[in-house]
């Protein structure tokens, strides 16, 4: 069984089944397309022709087990297969070259948290949906029902499937939300700057571990990364040592400490009143621009997110 560090056997089994069905869907689609091309010289579209076969397969006795798989994951497997075929027959279909001249106004700094899942350098705040917390009562009830069943019994097998299904619904809801959010962020910008967090260390905090896992920050960053690459855009990761939350974005004064319960603060040097999260997102953006330039990219002068009187964010 694939070791993913999942907390329960049921979750691990569910994920391994998902990976297996995705591989089956991709490989079967590839076999059908290759056979049609070799025998008849005809090209099929995975995301159109093969995709139409999925509902038929799910209704059949032989492949009825596909109904238990996440339909979005299966469809994405066929989309990936279609892209692979396009690149094979036409190299020009490969992912575009990265953008070399980035507009300052199309660069966004992104701070992630628990109260708000994402706060960007424009001041926009996206609430944390807390999917696991909302489903907690239902999950607890099903897990308790599972614990009352006898090992090896049919009732236990059924109860385990119900628990796995409940976790699947939570995962699907979170995944769908993150896909939509990451798509919007990447479509609206040319470069997205994020802070690298030491999630493994943060998970050691027993009081926050469940909430951090529910937020699934790493999964959101991964989605931002590959979506940006698909469009030739940039995802820049800032080192975790950068004191983004303790540094005044206007005068660069650095506070000695910034407890988590402090959500707004006044800089003792320039007396600017800061929203903690927005200030952090702006600092992250500024560091990202520095990193983009260090990599040889051109950044336009219209980044204008900082107040007059401080060093410019772009040149």
Protein backbone atom coordinates (compact mmCIF):
# COMPACT_ATOMS: atom_id res chain seq x y z
CA UNK A 1 0.00 0.00 0.00
CA UNK A 2 1.26 3.48 -0.85
CA UNK A 3 2.40 5.29 2.32
CA UNK A 4 1.02 8.84 2.29
CA UNK A 5 1.11 9.52 6.00
CA UNK A 6 -2.70 9.25 6.15
CA UNK A 7 -4.12 8.99 9.65
CA UNK A 8 -6.55 6.11 9.07
CA UNK A 9 -6.39 2.87 7.12
CA UNK A 10 -9.71 3.71 5.45
CA UNK A 11 -8.39 6.99 4.06
CA UNK A 12 -5.21 5.34 2.79
CA UNK A 13 -7.21 2.58 1.09
CA UNK A 14 -9.50 5.14 -0.50
CA UNK A 15 -6.61 7.20 -1.91
CA UNK A 16 -4.86 4.11 -3.27
CA UNK A 17 -8.08 3.09 -5.03
CA UNK A 18 -8.34 6.57 -6.51
CA UNK A 19 -4.77 6.44 -7.84
CA UNK A 20 -5.43 3.00 -9.29
CA UNK A 21 -8.59 4.05 -11.13
CA UNK A 22 -6.89 7.16 -12.51
CA UNK A 23 -4.01 5.04 -13.86
CA UNK A 24 -6.49 2.55 -15.32
CA UNK A 25 -8.46 5.31 -17.04
CA UNK A 26 -5.31 6.91 -18.50
CA UNK A 27 -3.76 3.62 -19.69
CA UNK A 28 -7.01 2.27 -21.13
CA UNK A 29 -7.63 5.51 -23.00
CA UNK A 30 -4.08 5.38 -24.34
CA UNK A 31 -4.54 1.79 -25.49
CA UNK A 32 -7.81 2.61 -27.32
CA UNK A 33 -6.35 5.69 -29.01
CA UNK A 34 -3.15 3.87 -30.04
CA UNK A 35 -5.10 0.91 -31.42
CA UNK A 36 -7.42 3.13 -33.48
CA UNK A 37 -4.48 5.09 -34.89
CA UNK A 38 -2.39 2.00 -35.77
CA UNK A 39 -5.25 -0.01 -37.29
CA UNK A 40 -7.29 2.69 -38.99
CA UNK A 41 -5.05 5.79 -39.08
CA UNK A 42 -7.69 7.70 -37.17
CA UNK A 43 -7.04 10.03 -34.25
CA UNK A 44 -9.36 10.10 -31.25
CA UNK A 45 -9.68 12.90 -28.71
CA UNK A 46 -9.26 11.72 -25.13
CA UNK A 47 -11.20 14.63 -23.65
CA UNK A 48 -14.08 14.21 -26.14
CA UNK A 49 -14.25 10.70 -27.67
CA UNK A 50 -12.80 8.67 -24.79
CA UNK A 51 -14.53 10.81 -22.18
CA UNK A 52 -17.91 9.76 -23.65
CA UNK A 53 -17.06 6.15 -22.85
CA UNK A 54 -16.83 6.77 -19.10
CA UNK A 55 -20.61 6.81 -18.39
CA UNK A 56 -21.00 3.66 -20.51
CA UNK A 57 -18.20 1.88 -18.64
CA UNK A 58 -19.66 2.82 -15.26
CA UNK A 59 -22.98 1.21 -16.19
CA UNK A 60 -21.35 -2.02 -17.33
CA UNK A 61 -20.89 -5.06 -15.11
CA UNK A 62 -17.18 -5.32 -15.91
CA UNK A 63 -16.24 -1.72 -15.10
CA UNK A 64 -19.01 -0.77 -12.68
CA UNK A 65 -16.41 -0.23 -9.96
CA UNK A 66 -15.47 3.02 -11.70
CA UNK A 67 -18.58 4.53 -10.13
CA UNK A 68 -16.75 4.62 -6.78
CA UNK A 69 -13.99 6.83 -8.21
CA UNK A 70 -13.92 10.62 -8.20
CA UNK A 71 -15.37 11.59 -11.60
CA UNK A 72 -13.32 14.81 -11.74
CA UNK A 73 -10.10 12.85 -11.26
CA UNK A 74 -11.00 10.46 -14.09
CA UNK A 75 -11.87 13.33 -16.42
CA UNK A 76 -8.63 15.11 -15.55
CA UNK A 77 -6.69 11.93 -16.38
CA UNK A 78 -8.22 12.00 -19.88
CA UNK A 79 -7.45 15.71 -20.26
CA UNK A 80 -3.82 14.97 -19.36
CA UNK A 81 -3.80 12.10 -21.87
CA UNK A 82 -5.18 14.39 -24.57
CA UNK A 83 -2.45 16.96 -23.89
CA UNK A 84 0.21 14.24 -24.05
CA UNK A 85 -1.08 13.11 -27.47
CA UNK A 86 -1.12 16.68 -28.76
CA UNK A 87 2.47 17.24 -27.67
CA UNK A 88 3.54 13.96 -29.29
CA UNK A 89 2.11 14.79 -32.70
CA UNK A 90 2.75 18.53 -32.54
CA UNK A 91 5.69 19.72 -30.38
CA UNK A 92 4.31 23.25 -30.69
CA UNK A 93 1.50 22.16 -28.35
CA UNK A 94 4.00 21.88 -25.42
CA UNK A 95 3.63 24.32 -22.45
CA UNK A 96 4.47 27.87 -23.38
CA UNK A 97 7.81 29.49 -22.63
CA UNK A 98 7.82 31.40 -19.32
CA UNK A 99 6.93 35.09 -19.50
CA UNK A 100 10.17 37.10 -19.48
CA UNK A 101 8.73 40.60 -19.00
CA UNK A 102 6.35 40.64 -16.03
CA UNK A 103 4.00 43.56 -15.43
CA UNK A 104 4.27 44.91 -11.89
CA UNK A 105 0.51 45.28 -11.69
CA UNK A 106 0.15 41.58 -12.57
CA UNK A 107 2.23 40.38 -9.61
CA UNK A 108 0.42 39.31 -6.47
CA UNK A 109 1.71 38.40 -3.02
CA UNK A 110 -0.25 35.70 -1.21
CA UNK A 111 -0.35 35.11 2.52
CA UNK A 112 -2.10 31.96 3.74
CA UNK A 113 -3.65 31.39 7.12
CA UNK A 114 -6.41 29.74 9.13
CA UNK A 115 -8.97 32.47 9.79
CA UNK A 116 -8.65 33.41 6.14
CA UNK A 117 -7.28 30.81 3.76
CA UNK A 118 -5.70 33.42 1.50
CA UNK A 119 -4.96 37.14 1.82
CA UNK A 120 -3.45 38.87 -1.20
CA UNK A 121 -1.47 42.07 -1.64
CA UNK A 122 -4.52 43.92 -2.99
CA UNK A 123 -6.24 43.48 0.37
CA UNK A 124 -8.61 40.74 -0.76
CA UNK A 125 -9.33 38.09 1.87
CA UNK A 126 -10.70 34.63 1.11
CA UNK A 127 -12.45 32.96 4.02
CA UNK A 128 -11.31 29.50 5.09
CA UNK A 129 -14.19 27.09 4.23
CA UNK A 130 -13.16 24.64 7.00
CA UNK A 131 -14.64 21.63 5.20
CA UNK A 132 -13.45 19.10 7.78
CA UNK A 133 -14.86 21.07 10.70
CA UNK A 134 -18.27 21.34 9.02
CA UNK A 135 -18.34 17.58 8.41
CA UNK A 136 -16.99 16.66 11.85
CA UNK A 137 -20.31 15.57 13.39
CA UNK A 138 -21.15 13.34 10.44
CA UNK A 139 -17.66 11.82 10.42
CA UNK A 140 -17.71 11.21 14.16
CA UNK A 141 -21.08 9.48 13.95
CA UNK A 142 -19.93 7.17 11.15
CA UNK A 143 -16.62 6.40 12.86
CA UNK A 144 -18.43 5.52 16.08
CA UNK A 145 -20.74 3.23 14.13
CA UNK A 146 -17.66 1.57 12.63
CA UNK A 147 -16.08 1.04 16.04
CA UNK A 148 -19.18 -0.79 17.25
CA UNK A 149 -19.07 -3.39 14.48
CA UNK A 150 -17.39 -6.78 14.71
CA UNK A 151 -14.07 -7.23 12.96
CA UNK A 152 -14.37 -9.20 9.73
CA UNK A 153 -18.14 -8.79 9.54
CA UNK A 154 -20.11 -7.53 6.53
CA UNK A 155 -21.47 -4.70 8.67
CA UNK A 156 -17.94 -3.57 9.44
CA UNK A 157 -17.02 -3.57 5.76
CA UNK A 158 -20.11 -1.49 4.98
CA UNK A 159 -19.40 0.92 7.85
CA UNK A 160 -15.81 1.33 6.64
CA UNK A 161 -17.06 2.23 3.17
CA UNK A 162 -19.41 4.83 4.65
CA UNK A 163 -16.52 6.42 6.57
CA UNK A 164 -14.37 6.45 3.42
CA UNK A 165 -17.24 8.02 1.43
CA UNK A 166 -17.64 10.76 4.05
CA UNK A 167 -13.91 11.55 3.86
CA UNK A 168 -14.15 11.50 0.07
CA UNK A 169 -16.89 14.14 0.08
CA UNK A 170 -14.76 16.40 2.28
CA UNK A 171 -11.72 15.91 0.06
CA UNK A 172 -13.73 16.55 -3.12
CA UNK A 173 -15.26 19.74 -1.73
CA UNK A 174 -11.85 21.05 -0.65
CA UNK A 175 -10.26 20.05 -3.96
CA UNK A 176 -12.98 21.74 -6.01
CA UNK A 177 -12.72 24.95 -3.98
CA UNK A 178 -8.94 25.08 -4.32
CA UNK A 179 -9.08 24.41 -8.06
CA UNK A 180 -11.46 27.32 -8.60
CA UNK A 181 -9.49 29.66 -6.34
CA UNK A 182 -6.10 28.79 -7.87
CA UNK A 183 -7.53 29.14 -11.38
CA UNK A 184 -8.80 32.63 -10.65
CA UNK A 185 -5.51 33.72 -9.06
CA UNK A 186 -3.38 32.42 -11.94
CA UNK A 187 -5.68 33.73 -14.68
CA UNK A 188 -5.62 37.24 -13.18
CA UNK A 189 -1.86 37.49 -12.68
CA UNK A 190 1.51 36.80 -14.33
CA UNK A 191 3.40 36.00 -11.13
CA UNK A 192 2.16 34.68 -7.78
CA UNK A 193 4.42 35.02 -4.76
CA UNK A 194 3.92 32.69 -1.80
CA UNK A 195 5.78 32.08 1.44
CA UNK A 196 7.26 28.63 2.01
CA UNK A 197 5.91 27.32 5.29
CA UNK A 198 7.39 24.55 7.43
CA UNK A 199 4.07 22.72 7.68
CA UNK A 200 5.59 19.61 9.25
CA UNK A 201 6.86 21.69 12.17
CA UNK A 202 3.56 23.54 12.51
CA UNK A 203 1.66 20.24 12.58
CA UNK A 204 3.45 19.41 15.85
CA UNK A 205 1.15 21.93 17.52
CA UNK A 206 -1.67 19.66 18.73
CA UNK A 207 -4.11 22.55 18.93
CA UNK A 208 -3.60 23.61 15.32
CA UNK A 209 -2.70 20.37 13.52
CA UNK A 210 -6.28 19.44 12.55
CA UNK A 211 -7.04 22.98 11.32
CA UNK A 212 -3.80 23.13 9.32
CA UNK A 213 -4.56 19.77 7.73
CA UNK A 214 -8.06 20.96 6.85
CA UNK A 215 -6.72 24.13 5.21
CA UNK A 216 -4.33 21.99 3.11
CA UNK A 217 -1.99 24.86 2.21
CA UNK A 218 0.49 22.67 0.36
CA UNK A 219 -2.23 21.35 -1.95
CA UNK A 220 -3.25 24.91 -2.84
CA UNK A 221 0.37 25.87 -3.57
CA UNK A 222 0.75 22.79 -5.79
CA UNK A 223 -2.32 23.76 -7.80
CA UNK A 224 -1.04 27.31 -8.20
CA UNK A 225 2.33 25.96 -9.34
CA UNK A 226 1.20 23.69 -12.17
CA UNK A 227 -1.53 26.07 -13.35
CA UNK A 228 1.05 28.86 -13.58
CA UNK A 229 3.44 26.65 -15.56
CA UNK A 230 0.66 25.73 -17.99
CA UNK A 231 0.37 29.43 -18.91
CA UNK A 232 4.06 30.29 -18.81
CA UNK A 233 3.53 32.28 -15.63
CA UNK A 234 5.57 32.25 -12.43
CA UNK A 235 5.08 30.90 -8.93
CA UNK A 236 7.79 32.28 -6.67
CA UNK A 237 8.40 30.78 -3.23
CA UNK A 238 9.88 32.96 -0.50
CA UNK A 239 12.15 31.38 2.11
CA UNK A 240 10.45 30.79 5.49
CA UNK A 241 13.09 32.77 7.39
CA UNK A 242 11.83 36.04 5.89
CA UNK A 243 10.04 37.98 8.67
CA UNK A 244 7.09 39.05 6.57
CA UNK A 245 4.71 39.43 9.50
CA UNK A 246 7.07 41.48 11.69
CA UNK A 247 8.37 43.93 9.07
CA UNK A 248 6.75 47.29 8.31
CA UNK A 249 6.12 47.42 4.56
CA UNK A 250 6.59 51.22 4.54
CA UNK A 251 9.85 51.83 6.42
CA UNK A 252 11.13 48.26 6.82
CA UNK A 253 11.27 48.53 10.62
CA UNK A 254 11.35 45.02 12.09
CA UNK A 255 9.47 44.23 15.28
CA UNK A 256 11.08 41.98 17.88
CA UNK A 257 7.98 39.82 18.18
CA UNK A 258 4.54 39.47 16.60
CA UNK A 259 2.23 37.08 18.53
CA UNK A 260 -0.46 35.31 16.51
CA UNK A 261 -3.26 37.07 18.40
CA UNK A 262 -2.08 40.48 17.14
CA UNK A 263 -4.10 41.13 13.98
CA UNK A 264 -3.27 44.83 13.54
CA UNK A 265 -0.35 46.93 14.76
CA UNK A 266 1.20 50.37 14.52
CA UNK A 267 4.79 50.72 13.38
CA UNK A 268 6.74 52.51 16.16
CA UNK A 269 9.10 54.04 13.59
CA UNK A 270 6.76 55.55 10.96
CA UNK A 271 3.42 55.16 12.82
CA UNK A 272 1.74 53.36 9.92
CA UNK A 273 -1.23 51.29 11.08
CA UNK A 274 -1.05 47.79 9.56
CA UNK A 275 -3.50 45.00 8.97
CA UNK A 276 -1.19 42.13 9.88
CA UNK A 277 -2.17 39.84 6.98
CA UNK A 278 -2.27 42.48 4.23
CA UNK A 279 1.07 43.89 5.39
CA UNK A 280 2.51 40.37 5.22
CA UNK A 281 1.14 39.81 1.70
CA UNK A 282 2.68 43.09 0.50
CA UNK A 283 6.05 42.15 2.00
CA UNK A 284 5.84 38.76 0.31
CA UNK A 285 5.11 40.47 -3.03
CA UNK A 286 8.08 42.80 -2.62
CA UNK A 287 10.45 39.92 -1.88
CA UNK A 288 9.06 38.04 -4.86
CA UNK A 289 9.82 40.94 -7.19
CA UNK A 290 13.39 41.01 -5.91
CA UNK A 291 13.68 37.28 -6.60
CA UNK A 292 12.19 37.61 -10.10
CA UNK A 293 14.77 40.28 -10.96
CA UNK A 294 17.57 38.18 -9.50
CA UNK A 295 16.55 35.43 -11.93
CA UNK A 296 17.04 37.83 -14.83
CA UNK A 297 13.40 38.66 -15.53
CA UNK A 298 12.23 42.14 -16.43
CA UNK A 299 9.61 43.65 -14.11
CA UNK A 300 7.70 46.74 -15.26
CA UNK A 301 7.58 49.88 -13.13
CA UNK A 302 3.87 49.75 -12.40
CA UNK A 303 3.81 47.59 -9.29
CA UNK A 304 2.61 50.55 -7.22
CA UNK A 305 1.44 48.67 -4.13
CA UNK A 306 3.63 50.51 -1.62
CA UNK A 307 3.23 53.95 -0.14
CA UNK A 308 5.33 56.91 -1.35
CA UNK A 309 8.55 57.51 0.47
CA UNK A 310 9.92 54.00 0.51
CA UNK A 311 12.13 52.06 -1.86
CA UNK A 312 10.29 51.22 -5.11
CA UNK A 313 9.01 47.69 -5.59
CA UNK A 314 9.95 47.65 -9.23
CA UNK A 315 12.21 49.51 -11.61
